[in-house]
N, C-alpha and C. Protein backbone atom coordinates (compact mmCIF):
# COMPACT_ATOMS: atom_id res chain seq x y z
N UNK A 1 89.85 120.47 -44.58
CA UNK A 1 90.35 119.11 -44.77
C UNK A 1 90.52 118.86 -46.27
N UNK A 2 91.66 118.37 -46.67
CA UNK A 2 91.97 118.16 -48.08
C UNK A 2 91.11 117.06 -48.67
N UNK A 3 90.68 117.28 -49.93
CA UNK A 3 89.88 116.28 -50.60
C UNK A 3 90.75 115.16 -51.16
N UNK A 4 90.09 114.13 -51.65
CA UNK A 4 90.78 112.99 -52.23
C UNK A 4 91.49 113.41 -53.52
N UNK A 5 92.72 113.00 -53.64
CA UNK A 5 93.47 113.27 -54.86
C UNK A 5 93.13 112.21 -55.89
N UNK A 6 92.56 112.66 -57.02
CA UNK A 6 92.17 111.72 -58.06
C UNK A 6 93.37 111.32 -58.91
N UNK A 7 93.31 110.14 -59.43
CA UNK A 7 94.40 109.64 -60.27
C UNK A 7 94.35 110.32 -61.64
N UNK A 8 95.46 110.30 -62.35
CA UNK A 8 95.52 110.88 -63.69
C UNK A 8 94.53 110.18 -64.62
N UNK A 9 94.33 108.88 -64.42
CA UNK A 9 93.37 108.14 -65.25
C UNK A 9 91.95 108.65 -65.03
N UNK A 10 91.62 109.01 -63.79
CA UNK A 10 90.28 109.53 -63.50
C UNK A 10 90.03 110.85 -64.23
N UNK A 11 91.08 111.60 -64.50
CA UNK A 11 90.94 112.90 -65.11
C UNK A 11 90.80 112.85 -66.62
N UNK A 12 90.97 111.68 -67.21
CA UNK A 12 90.90 111.58 -68.67
C UNK A 12 89.54 111.96 -69.23
N UNK A 13 88.48 111.82 -68.41
CA UNK A 13 87.14 112.17 -68.89
C UNK A 13 86.99 113.67 -69.14
N UNK A 14 87.90 114.47 -68.56
CA UNK A 14 87.85 115.91 -68.73
C UNK A 14 88.87 116.43 -69.74
N UNK A 15 89.65 115.56 -70.31
CA UNK A 15 90.72 115.94 -71.22
C UNK A 15 90.13 116.38 -72.56
N UNK A 16 90.58 117.54 -73.06
CA UNK A 16 90.11 118.00 -74.37
C UNK A 16 90.89 117.36 -75.50
N UNK A 17 91.97 116.67 -75.19
CA UNK A 17 92.79 116.00 -76.21
C UNK A 17 92.54 114.50 -76.18
N UNK A 18 91.62 114.04 -77.04
CA UNK A 18 91.28 112.61 -77.11
C UNK A 18 91.28 112.22 -78.58
N UNK A 19 92.42 111.82 -79.06
CA UNK A 19 92.61 111.57 -80.48
C UNK A 19 91.64 110.51 -81.00
N UNK A 20 90.98 110.85 -82.13
CA UNK A 20 90.09 109.91 -82.79
C UNK A 20 88.71 109.82 -82.18
N UNK A 21 88.42 110.59 -81.12
CA UNK A 21 87.11 110.53 -80.47
C UNK A 21 86.32 111.81 -80.75
N UNK A 22 85.00 111.68 -80.70
CA UNK A 22 84.11 112.83 -80.90
C UNK A 22 83.58 113.33 -79.56
N UNK A 23 83.27 114.62 -79.52
CA UNK A 23 82.62 115.22 -78.36
C UNK A 23 81.39 115.98 -78.82
N UNK A 24 80.36 115.99 -77.99
CA UNK A 24 79.14 116.72 -78.31
C UNK A 24 79.04 117.97 -77.45
N UNK A 25 78.77 119.11 -78.08
CA UNK A 25 78.65 120.37 -77.35
C UNK A 25 77.36 121.08 -77.79
N UNK A 26 76.70 121.73 -76.85
CA UNK A 26 75.52 122.52 -77.17
C UNK A 26 75.93 123.70 -78.05
N UNK A 27 75.25 123.88 -79.16
CA UNK A 27 75.66 124.88 -80.14
C UNK A 27 74.45 125.30 -80.96
N UNK A 28 74.51 126.47 -81.54
CA UNK A 28 73.50 126.87 -82.52
C UNK A 28 74.20 127.36 -83.78
N UNK A 29 73.52 127.22 -84.91
CA UNK A 29 73.97 127.82 -86.16
C UNK A 29 72.93 128.87 -86.53
N UNK A 30 73.41 130.04 -86.92
CA UNK A 30 72.50 131.15 -87.19
C UNK A 30 72.90 131.89 -88.45
N UNK A 31 71.93 132.54 -89.05
CA UNK A 31 72.16 133.38 -90.22
C UNK A 31 71.13 134.50 -90.20
N UNK A 32 71.60 135.75 -90.22
CA UNK A 32 70.74 136.92 -90.13
C UNK A 32 71.00 137.81 -91.33
N UNK A 33 69.95 138.33 -91.94
CA UNK A 33 70.11 139.20 -93.09
C UNK A 33 69.01 140.26 -93.13
N UNK A 34 69.04 141.08 -94.14
CA UNK A 34 68.09 142.20 -94.25
C UNK A 34 66.72 141.73 -94.73
N UNK A 35 65.68 142.24 -94.07
CA UNK A 35 64.32 142.11 -94.57
C UNK A 35 64.01 143.46 -95.23
N UNK A 36 63.89 143.48 -96.57
CA UNK A 36 63.65 144.73 -97.28
C UNK A 36 62.29 145.31 -96.91
N UNK A 37 62.23 146.60 -96.71
CA UNK A 37 60.96 147.21 -96.27
C UNK A 37 59.85 147.03 -97.31
N UNK A 38 60.23 146.87 -98.59
CA UNK A 38 59.24 146.64 -99.64
C UNK A 38 58.84 145.18 -99.74
N UNK A 39 59.54 144.30 -99.00
CA UNK A 39 59.24 142.88 -99.04
C UNK A 39 60.04 142.14 -100.10
N UNK A 40 59.93 140.82 -100.12
CA UNK A 40 60.57 139.95 -101.08
C UNK A 40 59.80 138.65 -101.11
N UNK A 41 60.05 137.82 -102.09
CA UNK A 41 59.33 136.54 -102.17
C UNK A 41 60.14 135.38 -101.63
N UNK A 42 61.47 135.56 -101.44
CA UNK A 42 62.27 134.47 -100.89
C UNK A 42 63.56 135.01 -100.28
N UNK A 43 63.94 134.43 -99.13
CA UNK A 43 65.23 134.68 -98.50
C UNK A 43 65.85 133.32 -98.20
N UNK A 44 67.08 133.11 -98.64
CA UNK A 44 67.79 131.84 -98.41
C UNK A 44 68.82 132.03 -97.31
N UNK A 45 68.90 131.05 -96.41
CA UNK A 45 69.78 131.14 -95.25
C UNK A 45 70.84 130.03 -95.26
N UNK A 46 71.96 130.34 -94.61
CA UNK A 46 73.10 129.43 -94.46
C UNK A 46 73.83 129.17 -95.78
N UNK A 47 73.66 130.05 -96.76
CA UNK A 47 74.30 129.88 -98.06
C UNK A 47 75.52 130.79 -98.25
N UNK A 48 75.64 131.82 -97.41
CA UNK A 48 76.76 132.75 -97.53
C UNK A 48 77.55 132.73 -96.22
N UNK A 49 78.80 132.24 -96.25
CA UNK A 49 79.59 132.12 -95.01
C UNK A 49 80.26 133.42 -94.61
N UNK A 50 80.87 133.40 -93.45
CA UNK A 50 81.64 134.55 -92.96
C UNK A 50 82.70 134.92 -93.99
N UNK A 51 82.85 136.23 -94.21
CA UNK A 51 83.88 136.71 -95.13
C UNK A 51 83.40 136.95 -96.54
N UNK A 52 82.20 136.49 -96.87
CA UNK A 52 81.64 136.73 -98.20
C UNK A 52 80.47 137.71 -98.10
N UNK A 53 80.35 138.58 -99.10
CA UNK A 53 79.25 139.56 -99.15
C UNK A 53 79.12 140.35 -97.84
N UNK A 54 80.28 140.70 -97.27
CA UNK A 54 80.36 141.50 -96.04
C UNK A 54 79.78 140.81 -94.81
N UNK A 55 79.61 139.50 -94.86
CA UNK A 55 79.11 138.76 -93.69
C UNK A 55 80.17 138.70 -92.59
N UNK A 56 79.75 138.98 -91.35
CA UNK A 56 80.63 138.87 -90.19
C UNK A 56 80.01 137.91 -89.18
N UNK A 57 80.69 137.71 -88.06
CA UNK A 57 80.18 136.81 -87.03
C UNK A 57 78.87 137.34 -86.44
N UNK A 58 78.60 138.63 -86.61
CA UNK A 58 77.32 139.19 -86.16
C UNK A 58 76.16 138.76 -87.06
N UNK A 59 76.49 138.28 -88.27
CA UNK A 59 75.48 137.87 -89.23
C UNK A 59 75.30 136.35 -89.29
N UNK A 60 76.38 135.60 -89.18
CA UNK A 60 76.33 134.14 -89.32
C UNK A 60 77.57 133.51 -88.70
N UNK A 61 77.46 132.23 -88.32
CA UNK A 61 78.65 131.48 -87.91
C UNK A 61 78.92 130.32 -88.85
N UNK A 62 78.37 130.40 -90.07
CA UNK A 62 78.65 129.39 -91.09
C UNK A 62 80.05 129.64 -91.67
N UNK A 63 80.83 128.56 -91.78
CA UNK A 63 82.17 128.66 -92.36
C UNK A 63 82.19 128.21 -93.81
N UNK A 64 81.22 127.41 -94.21
CA UNK A 64 81.10 126.94 -95.59
C UNK A 64 79.75 127.37 -96.14
N UNK A 65 79.63 127.41 -97.45
CA UNK A 65 78.37 127.80 -98.09
C UNK A 65 77.44 126.60 -98.21
N UNK A 66 76.36 126.59 -97.43
CA UNK A 66 75.33 125.58 -97.57
C UNK A 66 75.67 124.19 -97.11
N UNK A 67 76.75 124.01 -96.35
CA UNK A 67 77.10 122.69 -95.83
C UNK A 67 78.08 122.82 -94.67
N UNK A 68 78.18 121.77 -93.88
CA UNK A 68 79.11 121.73 -92.77
C UNK A 68 80.43 121.12 -93.23
N UNK A 69 81.56 121.61 -92.71
CA UNK A 69 82.85 121.05 -93.10
C UNK A 69 83.16 119.76 -92.36
N UNK A 70 84.07 118.98 -92.88
CA UNK A 70 84.58 117.83 -92.14
C UNK A 70 85.32 118.35 -90.92
N UNK A 71 85.24 117.69 -89.75
CA UNK A 71 84.45 116.49 -89.47
C UNK A 71 83.20 116.82 -88.65
N UNK A 72 82.56 117.95 -88.92
CA UNK A 72 81.44 118.43 -88.10
C UNK A 72 80.13 117.73 -88.46
N UNK A 73 79.44 117.23 -87.44
CA UNK A 73 78.06 116.75 -87.56
C UNK A 73 77.21 117.62 -86.63
N UNK A 74 75.96 117.88 -87.03
CA UNK A 74 75.12 118.74 -86.21
C UNK A 74 73.71 118.16 -86.12
N UNK A 75 73.25 117.93 -84.88
CA UNK A 75 71.92 117.41 -84.63
C UNK A 75 70.98 118.59 -84.40
N UNK A 76 70.09 118.86 -85.35
CA UNK A 76 69.17 120.00 -85.25
C UNK A 76 67.98 119.58 -84.39
N UNK A 77 67.81 120.25 -83.25
CA UNK A 77 66.72 119.92 -82.33
C UNK A 77 65.54 120.89 -82.45
N UNK A 78 65.81 122.13 -82.79
CA UNK A 78 64.73 123.11 -82.92
C UNK A 78 65.14 124.22 -83.87
N UNK A 79 64.14 124.94 -84.37
CA UNK A 79 64.37 126.04 -85.30
C UNK A 79 63.66 127.28 -84.78
N UNK A 80 64.34 128.42 -84.84
CA UNK A 80 63.80 129.68 -84.38
C UNK A 80 63.95 130.74 -85.47
N UNK A 81 63.06 131.72 -85.46
CA UNK A 81 63.18 132.89 -86.32
C UNK A 81 63.25 134.13 -85.43
N UNK A 82 64.23 134.98 -85.69
CA UNK A 82 64.33 136.26 -84.98
C UNK A 82 64.05 137.37 -85.98
N UNK A 83 63.31 138.37 -85.54
CA UNK A 83 63.03 139.52 -86.40
C UNK A 83 63.22 140.80 -85.61
N UNK A 84 64.00 141.72 -86.19
CA UNK A 84 64.29 143.00 -85.55
C UNK A 84 63.87 144.13 -86.50
N UNK A 85 62.77 144.81 -86.18
CA UNK A 85 62.37 145.95 -87.02
C UNK A 85 63.47 147.00 -87.08
N UNK A 86 63.43 147.81 -88.13
CA UNK A 86 64.43 148.85 -88.28
C UNK A 86 64.11 150.11 -87.51
N UNK A 87 62.96 150.14 -86.84
CA UNK A 87 62.58 151.29 -86.01
C UNK A 87 62.73 150.90 -84.54
N UNK A 88 62.98 151.90 -83.70
CA UNK A 88 63.14 151.64 -82.27
C UNK A 88 61.79 151.44 -81.60
N UNK A 89 61.74 150.60 -80.54
CA UNK A 89 60.46 150.38 -79.86
C UNK A 89 60.02 151.55 -78.98
N UNK A 90 60.93 152.47 -78.69
CA UNK A 90 60.59 153.60 -77.84
C UNK A 90 60.97 154.90 -78.54
N UNK A 91 60.08 155.87 -78.53
CA UNK A 91 60.35 157.20 -79.06
C UNK A 91 60.06 158.21 -77.97
N UNK A 92 60.75 159.32 -78.03
CA UNK A 92 60.50 160.36 -77.02
C UNK A 92 60.82 161.73 -77.61
N UNK A 93 60.14 162.71 -77.11
CA UNK A 93 60.34 164.07 -77.58
C UNK A 93 59.11 164.90 -77.33
N UNK A 94 59.19 166.19 -77.55
CA UNK A 94 58.06 167.07 -77.33
C UNK A 94 56.92 166.69 -78.27
N UNK A 95 57.27 166.38 -79.52
CA UNK A 95 56.28 165.90 -80.48
C UNK A 95 56.69 164.48 -80.87
N UNK A 96 55.95 163.50 -80.41
CA UNK A 96 56.31 162.10 -80.60
C UNK A 96 55.55 161.50 -81.77
N UNK A 97 56.29 160.89 -82.70
CA UNK A 97 55.64 160.18 -83.80
C UNK A 97 55.39 158.73 -83.37
N UNK A 98 54.30 158.16 -83.81
CA UNK A 98 53.99 156.77 -83.48
C UNK A 98 55.02 155.84 -84.12
N UNK A 99 55.53 154.88 -83.37
CA UNK A 99 56.44 153.89 -83.92
C UNK A 99 55.64 152.73 -84.49
N UNK A 100 56.20 152.09 -85.51
CA UNK A 100 55.53 150.96 -86.17
C UNK A 100 56.18 149.63 -85.79
N UNK A 101 56.86 149.59 -84.66
CA UNK A 101 57.60 148.39 -84.26
C UNK A 101 56.69 147.16 -84.22
N UNK A 102 55.63 147.21 -83.44
CA UNK A 102 54.76 146.04 -83.28
C UNK A 102 54.02 145.69 -84.57
N UNK A 103 53.71 146.70 -85.38
CA UNK A 103 53.05 146.43 -86.66
C UNK A 103 53.97 145.66 -87.60
N UNK A 104 55.26 146.01 -87.60
CA UNK A 104 56.22 145.27 -88.42
C UNK A 104 56.32 143.81 -87.95
N UNK A 105 56.40 143.61 -86.63
CA UNK A 105 56.50 142.26 -86.09
C UNK A 105 55.26 141.44 -86.43
N UNK A 106 54.09 142.03 -86.26
CA UNK A 106 52.83 141.34 -86.57
C UNK A 106 52.76 140.97 -88.04
N UNK A 107 53.16 141.89 -88.91
CA UNK A 107 53.10 141.66 -90.35
C UNK A 107 53.96 140.47 -90.75
N UNK A 108 55.15 140.37 -90.18
CA UNK A 108 56.04 139.26 -90.51
C UNK A 108 55.54 137.96 -89.88
N UNK A 109 55.07 138.02 -88.64
CA UNK A 109 54.65 136.81 -87.92
C UNK A 109 53.49 136.10 -88.61
N UNK A 110 52.58 136.85 -89.23
CA UNK A 110 51.39 136.23 -89.80
C UNK A 110 51.55 135.86 -91.27
N UNK A 111 52.75 136.07 -91.81
CA UNK A 111 52.96 135.83 -93.23
C UNK A 111 54.07 134.81 -93.47
N UNK A 112 54.23 134.41 -94.73
CA UNK A 112 55.36 133.60 -95.14
C UNK A 112 55.34 132.16 -94.65
N UNK A 113 56.29 131.39 -95.16
CA UNK A 113 56.47 129.99 -94.75
C UNK A 113 57.95 129.68 -94.68
N UNK A 114 58.29 128.64 -93.93
CA UNK A 114 59.67 128.18 -93.81
C UNK A 114 59.81 126.82 -94.46
N UNK A 115 60.90 126.65 -95.22
CA UNK A 115 61.20 125.38 -95.87
C UNK A 115 62.62 124.95 -95.52
N UNK A 116 62.76 123.70 -95.04
CA UNK A 116 64.06 123.13 -94.68
C UNK A 116 64.39 122.05 -95.71
N UNK A 117 65.39 122.33 -96.53
CA UNK A 117 65.75 121.46 -97.66
C UNK A 117 67.12 120.85 -97.40
N UNK A 118 67.22 119.52 -97.51
CA UNK A 118 68.48 118.81 -97.30
C UNK A 118 68.69 117.81 -98.42
N UNK A 119 69.91 117.82 -98.99
CA UNK A 119 70.21 116.88 -100.07
C UNK A 119 69.35 117.14 -101.28
N UNK A 120 68.37 116.26 -101.51
CA UNK A 120 67.52 116.39 -102.69
C UNK A 120 66.03 116.47 -102.35
N UNK A 121 65.71 116.71 -101.06
CA UNK A 121 64.29 116.80 -100.73
C UNK A 121 64.03 117.72 -99.55
N UNK A 122 62.76 118.10 -99.42
CA UNK A 122 62.32 118.99 -98.35
C UNK A 122 61.95 118.18 -97.12
N UNK A 123 62.48 118.55 -95.96
CA UNK A 123 62.19 117.84 -94.71
C UNK A 123 61.20 118.57 -93.82
N UNK A 124 60.97 119.85 -94.09
CA UNK A 124 60.02 120.59 -93.26
C UNK A 124 59.46 121.76 -94.07
N UNK A 125 58.13 121.91 -94.03
CA UNK A 125 57.44 123.08 -94.56
C UNK A 125 56.40 123.49 -93.53
N UNK A 126 56.43 124.75 -93.13
CA UNK A 126 55.52 125.20 -92.07
C UNK A 126 55.23 126.68 -92.25
N UNK A 127 54.02 127.08 -91.89
CA UNK A 127 53.62 128.49 -91.97
C UNK A 127 52.62 128.78 -90.86
N UNK A 128 52.46 130.06 -90.46
CA UNK A 128 53.24 131.22 -90.85
C UNK A 128 54.54 131.31 -90.07
N UNK A 129 55.31 132.37 -90.29
CA UNK A 129 56.63 132.47 -89.65
C UNK A 129 56.54 132.62 -88.13
N UNK A 130 55.40 133.10 -87.64
CA UNK A 130 55.22 133.21 -86.20
C UNK A 130 55.20 131.87 -85.48
N UNK A 131 55.16 130.75 -86.23
CA UNK A 131 55.21 129.42 -85.62
C UNK A 131 56.60 129.10 -85.08
N UNK A 132 57.60 129.95 -85.38
CA UNK A 132 58.98 129.68 -84.99
C UNK A 132 59.51 130.75 -84.04
N UNK A 133 58.93 130.85 -82.83
CA UNK A 133 59.37 131.91 -81.91
C UNK A 133 60.78 131.66 -81.38
N UNK A 134 61.51 132.73 -81.08
CA UNK A 134 62.84 132.55 -80.47
C UNK A 134 62.72 132.15 -79.01
N UNK A 135 63.75 131.49 -78.49
CA UNK A 135 63.74 131.07 -77.08
C UNK A 135 64.05 132.25 -76.15
N UNK A 136 64.68 133.27 -76.68
CA UNK A 136 64.97 134.46 -75.87
C UNK A 136 64.41 135.68 -76.57
N UNK A 137 64.02 136.69 -75.79
CA UNK A 137 63.48 137.92 -76.35
C UNK A 137 63.65 139.03 -75.34
N UNK A 138 63.51 140.25 -75.81
CA UNK A 138 63.58 141.42 -74.94
C UNK A 138 62.26 141.56 -74.17
N UNK A 139 62.36 141.83 -72.88
CA UNK A 139 61.16 142.15 -72.10
C UNK A 139 61.22 143.63 -71.72
N UNK A 140 60.06 144.26 -71.64
CA UNK A 140 60.01 145.69 -71.34
C UNK A 140 58.94 145.99 -70.32
N UNK A 141 59.27 146.83 -69.36
CA UNK A 141 58.31 147.38 -68.42
C UNK A 141 58.29 148.89 -68.66
N UNK A 142 57.21 149.39 -69.21
CA UNK A 142 57.18 150.81 -69.55
C UNK A 142 55.76 151.34 -69.45
N UNK A 143 55.66 152.63 -69.50
CA UNK A 143 54.36 153.29 -69.46
C UNK A 143 54.46 154.61 -70.19
N UNK A 144 53.34 155.06 -70.75
CA UNK A 144 53.30 156.38 -71.35
C UNK A 144 53.40 157.41 -70.23
N UNK A 145 54.28 158.37 -70.42
CA UNK A 145 54.50 159.33 -69.35
C UNK A 145 54.68 160.73 -69.90
N UNK A 146 54.31 161.71 -69.10
CA UNK A 146 54.53 163.12 -69.41
C UNK A 146 55.24 163.73 -68.23
N UNK A 147 56.39 164.34 -68.48
CA UNK A 147 57.16 164.94 -67.39
C UNK A 147 57.63 166.33 -67.77
N UNK A 148 57.84 167.19 -66.78
CA UNK A 148 58.26 168.55 -67.04
C UNK A 148 59.76 168.60 -67.29
N UNK A 149 60.17 169.44 -68.23
CA UNK A 149 61.58 169.67 -68.51
C UNK A 149 61.89 171.13 -68.17
N UNK A 150 62.22 171.39 -66.92
CA UNK A 150 62.47 172.74 -66.47
C UNK A 150 63.65 173.37 -67.19
N UNK A 151 64.62 172.53 -67.60
CA UNK A 151 65.82 173.07 -68.23
C UNK A 151 65.54 173.57 -69.64
N UNK A 152 64.45 173.09 -70.27
CA UNK A 152 64.14 173.48 -71.64
C UNK A 152 63.22 174.69 -71.66
N UNK A 153 62.13 174.57 -70.96
CA UNK A 153 61.17 175.68 -70.88
C UNK A 153 60.32 175.49 -69.65
N UNK A 154 59.76 176.54 -69.19
CA UNK A 154 59.04 176.48 -67.91
C UNK A 154 57.92 175.47 -67.92
N UNK A 155 57.15 175.36 -69.00
CA UNK A 155 56.00 174.47 -69.04
C UNK A 155 56.09 173.43 -70.16
N UNK A 156 57.29 173.13 -70.65
CA UNK A 156 57.42 172.15 -71.73
C UNK A 156 57.19 170.74 -71.21
N UNK A 157 56.74 169.87 -72.06
CA UNK A 157 56.43 168.51 -71.67
C UNK A 157 57.15 167.52 -72.58
N UNK A 158 57.55 166.41 -72.03
CA UNK A 158 58.21 165.35 -72.78
C UNK A 158 57.32 164.12 -72.77
N UNK A 159 56.92 163.64 -73.92
CA UNK A 159 56.09 162.45 -74.01
C UNK A 159 56.95 161.26 -74.42
N UNK A 160 56.79 160.15 -73.72
CA UNK A 160 57.51 158.92 -74.02
C UNK A 160 56.52 157.87 -74.49
N UNK A 161 56.76 157.31 -75.68
CA UNK A 161 55.86 156.31 -76.25
C UNK A 161 56.62 155.02 -76.51
N UNK A 162 56.06 153.90 -76.05
CA UNK A 162 56.70 152.60 -76.23
C UNK A 162 55.80 151.67 -77.02
N UNK A 163 56.39 150.97 -77.98
CA UNK A 163 55.64 150.06 -78.84
C UNK A 163 56.55 148.87 -79.13
N UNK A 164 56.29 147.73 -78.47
CA UNK A 164 57.18 146.57 -78.61
C UNK A 164 56.36 145.30 -78.77
N UNK A 165 56.88 144.38 -79.58
CA UNK A 165 56.23 143.08 -79.77
C UNK A 165 57.30 142.07 -80.17
N UNK A 166 57.00 140.78 -79.96
CA UNK A 166 57.93 139.71 -80.34
C UNK A 166 57.14 138.45 -80.60
N UNK A 167 57.67 137.57 -81.47
CA UNK A 167 57.11 136.23 -81.59
C UNK A 167 57.22 135.57 -80.21
N UNK A 168 56.22 134.81 -79.81
CA UNK A 168 56.28 134.12 -78.53
C UNK A 168 55.45 132.85 -78.61
N UNK A 169 55.84 131.84 -77.85
CA UNK A 169 55.12 130.58 -77.84
C UNK A 169 56.07 129.41 -77.63
N UNK A 170 55.55 128.22 -77.78
CA UNK A 170 56.35 127.01 -77.61
C UNK A 170 57.42 126.94 -78.69
N UNK A 171 58.69 126.69 -78.31
CA UNK A 171 59.73 126.54 -79.32
C UNK A 171 59.39 125.45 -80.33
N UNK A 172 59.73 125.66 -81.59
CA UNK A 172 59.41 124.69 -82.63
C UNK A 172 60.46 123.58 -82.60
N UNK A 173 60.14 122.49 -81.89
CA UNK A 173 61.06 121.36 -81.76
C UNK A 173 60.84 120.38 -82.91
N UNK A 174 61.93 119.86 -83.46
CA UNK A 174 61.85 118.85 -84.51
C UNK A 174 61.70 117.47 -83.89
N UNK A 175 60.76 116.70 -84.36
CA UNK A 175 60.50 115.37 -83.81
C UNK A 175 60.23 114.41 -84.96
N UNK A 176 61.19 113.57 -85.33
CA UNK A 176 62.51 113.43 -84.70
C UNK A 176 63.47 114.54 -85.12
N UNK A 177 64.59 114.60 -84.41
CA UNK A 177 65.61 115.57 -84.77
C UNK A 177 66.22 115.22 -86.13
N UNK A 178 66.94 116.17 -86.71
CA UNK A 178 67.56 115.98 -88.02
C UNK A 178 69.08 116.09 -87.88
N UNK A 179 69.80 115.11 -88.40
CA UNK A 179 71.26 115.13 -88.34
C UNK A 179 71.82 115.66 -89.66
N UNK A 180 72.57 116.76 -89.57
CA UNK A 180 73.29 117.29 -90.72
C UNK A 180 74.71 116.73 -90.69
N UNK A 181 75.12 116.11 -91.78
CA UNK A 181 76.45 115.49 -91.86
C UNK A 181 77.36 116.35 -92.71
N UNK A 182 78.67 116.15 -92.60
CA UNK A 182 79.62 116.98 -93.36
C UNK A 182 79.41 116.87 -94.87
N UNK A 183 79.62 117.99 -95.54
CA UNK A 183 79.65 118.07 -97.00
C UNK A 183 78.32 117.70 -97.68
N UNK A 184 77.20 117.77 -96.94
CA UNK A 184 75.89 117.56 -97.56
C UNK A 184 75.16 118.90 -97.60
N UNK A 185 74.67 119.25 -98.79
CA UNK A 185 74.03 120.56 -98.94
C UNK A 185 72.72 120.64 -98.18
N UNK A 186 72.47 121.80 -97.60
CA UNK A 186 71.19 122.07 -96.96
C UNK A 186 70.88 123.56 -97.08
N UNK A 187 69.61 123.89 -96.94
CA UNK A 187 69.18 125.28 -97.03
C UNK A 187 67.88 125.45 -96.26
N UNK A 188 67.78 126.53 -95.53
CA UNK A 188 66.50 126.94 -94.96
C UNK A 188 66.10 128.23 -95.66
N UNK A 189 64.89 128.25 -96.19
CA UNK A 189 64.41 129.43 -96.89
C UNK A 189 63.10 129.91 -96.29
N UNK A 190 62.90 131.22 -96.33
CA UNK A 190 61.62 131.84 -95.98
C UNK A 190 61.01 132.32 -97.29
N UNK A 191 59.75 131.94 -97.52
CA UNK A 191 59.13 132.22 -98.81
C UNK A 191 57.75 132.84 -98.64
N UNK A 192 57.40 133.73 -99.59
CA UNK A 192 56.11 134.40 -99.59
C UNK A 192 55.51 134.31 -100.99
N UNK A 193 54.22 134.01 -101.13
CA UNK A 193 53.60 133.97 -102.46
C UNK A 193 53.55 135.34 -103.12
N UNK A 194 53.57 136.39 -102.30
CA UNK A 194 53.63 137.77 -102.79
C UNK A 194 54.41 138.59 -101.77
N UNK A 195 54.99 139.69 -102.20
CA UNK A 195 55.80 140.49 -101.29
C UNK A 195 54.95 141.03 -100.15
N UNK A 196 55.55 141.08 -98.96
CA UNK A 196 54.88 141.60 -97.77
C UNK A 196 55.69 142.78 -97.27
N UNK A 197 55.19 143.98 -97.50
CA UNK A 197 55.90 145.19 -97.12
C UNK A 197 55.78 145.46 -95.62
N UNK A 198 56.78 146.13 -95.05
CA UNK A 198 56.75 146.50 -93.64
C UNK A 198 56.04 147.84 -93.46
N UNK A 199 55.08 147.92 -92.53
CA UNK A 199 54.34 149.17 -92.33
C UNK A 199 55.23 150.38 -92.03
N UNK A 200 56.36 150.14 -91.37
CA UNK A 200 57.25 151.25 -91.01
C UNK A 200 57.92 151.88 -92.22
N UNK A 201 58.05 151.11 -93.30
CA UNK A 201 58.78 151.60 -94.46
C UNK A 201 60.28 151.60 -94.27
N UNK A 202 60.77 150.89 -93.23
CA UNK A 202 62.20 150.82 -92.91
C UNK A 202 62.65 149.37 -92.95
N UNK A 203 63.83 149.12 -93.54
CA UNK A 203 64.37 147.77 -93.59
C UNK A 203 64.54 147.20 -92.19
N UNK A 204 64.24 145.91 -92.02
CA UNK A 204 64.46 145.22 -90.76
C UNK A 204 65.56 144.17 -90.90
N UNK A 205 65.73 143.36 -89.87
CA UNK A 205 66.69 142.27 -89.88
C UNK A 205 65.95 141.00 -89.50
N UNK A 206 66.14 139.93 -90.26
CA UNK A 206 65.47 138.67 -89.96
C UNK A 206 66.50 137.55 -90.02
N UNK A 207 66.37 136.58 -89.12
CA UNK A 207 67.34 135.51 -89.07
C UNK A 207 66.73 134.18 -88.70
N UNK A 208 67.43 133.11 -89.03
CA UNK A 208 67.03 131.74 -88.69
C UNK A 208 68.12 131.15 -87.80
N UNK A 209 67.68 130.49 -86.73
CA UNK A 209 68.59 129.83 -85.80
C UNK A 209 68.26 128.35 -85.74
N UNK A 210 69.25 127.50 -85.95
CA UNK A 210 69.12 126.06 -85.72
C UNK A 210 69.82 125.76 -84.39
N UNK A 211 69.07 125.29 -83.41
CA UNK A 211 69.63 124.97 -82.10
C UNK A 211 69.79 123.46 -81.97
N UNK A 212 70.88 123.02 -81.36
CA UNK A 212 71.08 121.57 -81.22
C UNK A 212 72.42 121.21 -80.64
N UNK A 213 72.94 120.06 -81.05
CA UNK A 213 74.21 119.53 -80.55
C UNK A 213 75.19 119.38 -81.71
N UNK A 214 76.35 119.98 -81.53
CA UNK A 214 77.41 119.82 -82.54
C UNK A 214 78.37 118.73 -82.10
N UNK A 215 78.66 117.82 -83.02
CA UNK A 215 79.61 116.74 -82.75
C UNK A 215 80.88 117.00 -83.55
N UNK A 216 81.99 117.08 -82.83
CA UNK A 216 83.27 117.39 -83.46
C UNK A 216 84.35 116.50 -82.83
N UNK A 217 85.44 116.35 -83.52
CA UNK A 217 86.52 115.54 -82.98
C UNK A 217 87.25 116.31 -81.88
N UNK A 218 87.64 115.56 -80.84
CA UNK A 218 88.48 116.15 -79.81
C UNK A 218 89.85 116.45 -80.42
N UNK A 219 90.57 117.31 -79.78
CA UNK A 219 91.89 117.67 -80.30
C UNK A 219 92.88 116.52 -80.19
């Protein structure tokens, strides 16, 4: 049985072309960069947009350096930190070396502080970095195992070792939320009083995510 045919006026609420009006969409702004294995005392985020210093969409979705363009407004509801060690969480082979994945994660989680600076003052200072867990993370079901490899040698053994960790906990929600307006400078920085080296000795990747609502003009 055919449904009711709605009038064209009823459909206006779904129209993407509404001149002079704003729409709110769920969005995040992110910036990811290298965590040097020897450590550093400060990393600044959202200051280098796509196309500069080899930044791509895999690194950031900022289009301007340190500010939002007209006519974008962004309501920041929560802040997350993601950290990806430069070593793999799983190793395998006849002779398996221990991975330092979880040690790198632990070292970063218990150190450093986050500062959210807008305009001419600081709106948030919090430590340690583990206070800002991501809303999503990799889950793993694994076990140490030894299995025969008949194709390699009659009695050879393959050992599989897994070592994984992630920040976890209640998302760091801003209360009240913070509204970023067009053309106003802002910066989120991660800071350490002294360098914190990674146990693995391999560079990692660390990023900051601002989750919230983006307000933009309809077409």
